Amino acid sequence: PLPARPEPAIPDVLGALDDRIESEGTQVGLPECIRHDMWTLCNEAVKPISNRIWLEGNLEGRSMTKAQTRELTYQALIEFMDSRSRERSSSILQKEEE
């Protein structure tokens, strides 16, 4: 059987985010651009996350279940977001020092 792929997990996250934004977004002060920013970020993340899932799924010839793939995808997406956030913070600090 083919290994599970991360692509379905990312749209699931975005769907949940859309639902949350529609129900509570304005109440908690989320900016209007959050939905677009998250979609853009997730689109940028698909390829590196897919590569990571494929590599980890093929290490030692193991086969990951759909649940394991989803868990690893969510973990990789969070790490991708964190790395982007650190990159932006570092870039802002460098500009402030100039």
Protein backbone atom coordinates (compact mmCIF):
# COMPACT_ATOMS: atom_id res chain seq x y z
CA PRO A 1 0.00 0.00 0.00
CA LEU A 2 1.03 3.58 -0.64
CA PRO A 3 2.03 5.58 2.44
CA ALA A 4 -0.41 8.16 3.74
CA ARG A 5 0.26 11.66 2.47
CA PRO A 6 0.22 14.89 4.50
CA GLU A 7 -1.83 16.93 2.03
CA PRO A 8 -5.26 16.00 3.48
CA ALA A 9 -4.17 16.99 6.99
CA ILE A 10 -3.21 20.55 6.00
CA PRO A 11 -6.60 21.43 4.45
CA ASP A 12 -8.22 19.95 7.57
CA VAL A 13 -6.26 22.43 9.70
CA LEU A 14 -7.25 25.27 7.39
CA GLY A 15 -10.90 24.20 7.48
CA ALA A 16 -10.86 24.18 11.27
CA LEU A 17 -9.19 27.60 11.26
CA ASP A 18 -11.82 28.97 8.87
CA ASP A 19 -14.60 27.69 11.12
CA ARG A 20 -12.97 29.21 14.18
CA ILE A 21 -12.37 32.55 12.50
CA GLU A 22 -15.97 32.72 11.30
CA SER A 23 -17.34 31.89 14.72
CA GLU A 24 -14.94 33.77 17.00
CA GLY A 25 -12.36 35.67 14.97
CA THR A 26 -13.64 39.16 15.47
CA GLN A 27 -14.46 38.49 19.12
CA VAL A 28 -10.86 37.61 19.96
CA GLY A 29 -9.33 40.37 17.87
CA LEU A 30 -7.83 38.37 15.02
CA PRO A 31 -6.80 40.57 12.10
CA GLU A 32 -8.76 40.32 8.86
CA CYS A 33 -5.68 39.05 7.00
CA ILE A 34 -5.17 35.99 9.24
CA ARG A 35 -7.06 33.64 6.94
CA HIS A 36 -5.07 34.69 3.86
CA ASP A 37 -1.78 34.60 5.77
CA MET A 38 -2.45 31.09 7.09
CA TRP A 39 -3.46 29.78 3.65
CA THR A 40 -0.28 31.27 2.17
CA LEU A 41 1.87 29.81 4.93
CA CYS A 42 0.30 26.37 4.57
CA ASN A 43 0.73 26.44 0.79
CA GLU A 44 4.41 27.23 1.29
CA ALA A 45 4.70 24.43 3.84
CA VAL A 46 3.21 21.62 1.72
CA LYS A 47 6.37 20.70 -0.19
CA PRO A 48 8.84 20.68 2.74
CA ILE A 49 6.32 18.87 4.93
CA SER A 50 5.59 16.31 2.21
CA ASN A 51 9.32 15.68 1.86
CA ARG A 52 9.72 15.26 5.60
CA ILE A 53 6.75 12.88 5.86
CA TRP A 54 8.07 10.83 2.97
CA LEU A 55 11.57 10.64 4.48
CA GLU A 56 10.38 9.74 7.96
CA GLY A 57 7.85 7.29 6.59
CA ASN A 58 10.49 5.51 4.57
CA LEU A 59 13.20 5.41 7.24
CA GLU A 60 13.98 1.87 8.21
CA GLY A 61 11.26 0.67 5.85
CA ARG A 62 8.50 1.42 8.31
CA SER A 63 4.95 2.14 7.21
CA MET A 64 3.03 4.92 8.93
CA THR A 65 -0.68 4.81 9.58
CA LYS A 66 -2.98 7.64 8.56
CA ALA A 67 -3.13 8.80 12.19
CA GLN A 68 0.67 8.81 12.49
CA THR A 69 0.96 10.74 9.23
CA ARG A 70 -1.58 13.29 10.44
CA GLU A 71 0.22 13.69 13.78
CA LEU A 72 3.59 14.12 12.09
CA THR A 73 2.08 16.57 9.59
CA TYR A 74 0.64 18.72 12.37
CA GLN A 75 3.95 18.63 14.24
CA ALA A 76 5.87 19.58 11.07
CA LEU A 77 3.42 22.40 10.31
CA ILE A 78 3.84 23.85 13.80
CA GLU A 79 7.63 23.66 13.47
CA PHE A 80 7.41 25.31 10.03
CA MET A 81 5.34 28.15 11.50
CA ASP A 82 7.76 28.54 14.41
CA SER A 83 10.75 28.71 12.08
CA ARG A 84 9.02 31.36 9.95
CA SER A 85 8.20 33.35 13.06
CA ARG A 86 11.83 33.19 14.24
CA GLU A 87 13.04 34.24 10.77
CA ARG A 88 10.74 37.27 10.80
CA SER A 89 11.76 38.22 14.34
CA SER A 90 15.42 37.96 13.44
CA SER A 91 14.91 40.03 10.32
CA ILE A 92 13.09 42.75 12.28
CA LEU A 93 15.85 42.86 14.91
CA GLN A 94 18.52 43.18 12.23
CA LYS A 95 16.68 46.08 10.60
CA GLU A 96 16.30 47.82 13.96
CA GLU A 97 20.05 47.51 14.61
CA GLU A 98 20.92 49.18 11.29
